[in-house]
Amino acid sequence: MRYQVHVGAGLASANDRPGAPVTVVDLSTDGCGIEVGGHCEVGSRVWLKLPGLESWPSRIVWAEGERAGLRFDRPLHQAVVERYA
């Protein structure tokens, strides 16, 4: 299940620590939608840093304008997703 959320987070690439601020706009166990202030390259490996969690390895699966979609390398636990919902 995908939840509509509005959560400030960070997004980092391999050479971009700590990363750029993003807003997570929807969230599920398998991925999320984000609003970004810059360009996202589809296929890029990134790390999403949600408040209170470790950086989560992900891949950009789509990008359009200032929005992008991430697929997590491993699922988030459902309880974690519900905490942000």
Protein backbone atom coordinates (compact mmCIF):
# COMPACT_ATOMS: atom_id res chain seq x y z
CA MET A 1 0.00 0.00 0.00
CA ARG A 2 1.26 3.46 -0.92
CA TYR A 3 0.63 6.30 1.56
CA GLN A 4 0.50 10.00 0.73
CA VAL A 5 3.00 11.74 3.03
CA HIS A 6 4.91 15.01 3.33
CA VAL A 7 8.27 14.22 4.96
CA GLY A 8 11.51 16.16 4.68
CA ALA A 9 14.44 13.85 3.89
CA GLY A 10 17.90 13.81 2.35
CA LEU A 11 19.00 12.22 -0.90
CA ALA A 12 22.66 11.40 -1.54
CA SER A 13 24.54 9.78 -4.39
CA ALA A 14 27.78 7.89 -3.93
CA ASN A 15 29.85 11.10 -4.01
CA ASP A 16 27.26 13.52 -2.58
CA ARG A 17 27.27 13.20 1.20
CA PRO A 18 25.26 14.25 3.18
CA GLY A 19 23.02 14.91 0.21
CA ALA A 20 20.37 17.30 -1.00
CA PRO A 21 17.10 18.02 0.77
CA VAL A 22 14.02 16.39 -0.77
CA THR A 23 10.38 15.95 0.21
CA VAL A 24 8.94 12.45 0.23
CA VAL A 25 5.39 12.74 -1.14
CA ASP A 26 4.35 9.09 -1.13
CA LEU A 27 5.79 6.03 0.58
CA SER A 28 5.41 2.26 0.45
CA THR A 29 7.52 -0.66 1.61
CA ASP A 30 9.11 -0.92 -1.85
CA GLY A 31 9.75 2.72 -2.75
CA CYS A 32 8.67 6.32 -2.68
CA GLY A 33 7.95 9.42 -4.70
CA ILE A 34 10.01 12.54 -4.02
CA GLU A 35 10.06 16.22 -4.93
CA VAL A 36 13.57 17.41 -5.71
CA GLY A 37 15.14 20.77 -6.41
CA GLY A 38 17.41 19.51 -9.18
CA HIS A 39 17.93 16.91 -11.86
CA CYS A 40 17.64 13.17 -11.13
CA GLU A 41 19.24 10.64 -13.45
CA VAL A 42 17.10 7.53 -13.99
CA GLY A 43 19.06 4.43 -13.03
CA SER A 44 21.27 6.25 -10.53
CA ARG A 45 22.00 4.61 -7.21
CA VAL A 46 21.12 6.88 -4.28
CA TRP A 47 20.60 6.77 -0.52
CA LEU A 48 17.43 8.16 1.02
CA LYS A 49 17.76 9.47 4.58
CA LEU A 50 14.38 9.60 6.32
CA PRO A 51 14.31 11.27 9.76
CA GLY A 52 15.22 8.77 12.47
CA LEU A 53 16.39 6.02 10.07
CA GLU A 54 19.69 4.98 8.56
CA SER A 55 20.29 5.91 4.93
CA TRP A 56 18.32 3.50 2.74
CA PRO A 57 19.89 2.29 -0.54
CA SER A 58 17.66 2.94 -3.54
CA ARG A 59 17.61 3.43 -7.29
CA ILE A 60 15.90 6.21 -9.26
CA VAL A 61 13.34 4.47 -11.49
CA TRP A 62 11.64 7.50 -13.04
CA ALA A 63 12.05 11.27 -13.11
CA GLU A 64 9.82 13.99 -14.51
CA GLY A 65 10.32 17.68 -13.79
CA GLU A 66 10.84 18.15 -10.07
CA ARG A 67 9.51 14.69 -9.13
CA ALA A 68 11.15 11.30 -9.14
CA GLY A 69 10.43 7.77 -8.01
CA LEU A 70 12.74 5.56 -6.00
CA ARG A 71 12.73 1.77 -5.64
CA PHE A 72 14.36 0.57 -2.44
CA ASP A 73 17.08 -2.11 -2.67
CA ARG A 74 15.37 -3.87 0.23
CA PRO A 75 11.84 -3.20 1.52
CA LEU A 76 11.10 -1.01 4.49
CA HIS A 77 9.17 -2.75 7.25
CA GLN A 78 5.44 -1.98 7.08
CA ALA A 79 5.52 -0.54 10.63
CA VAL A 80 8.18 1.96 9.52
CA VAL A 81 6.06 3.06 6.57
CA GLU A 82 3.00 3.45 8.81
CA ARG A 83 5.01 5.59 11.24
CA TYR A 84 5.41 8.24 8.52
CA ALA A 85 1.85 7.89 7.14
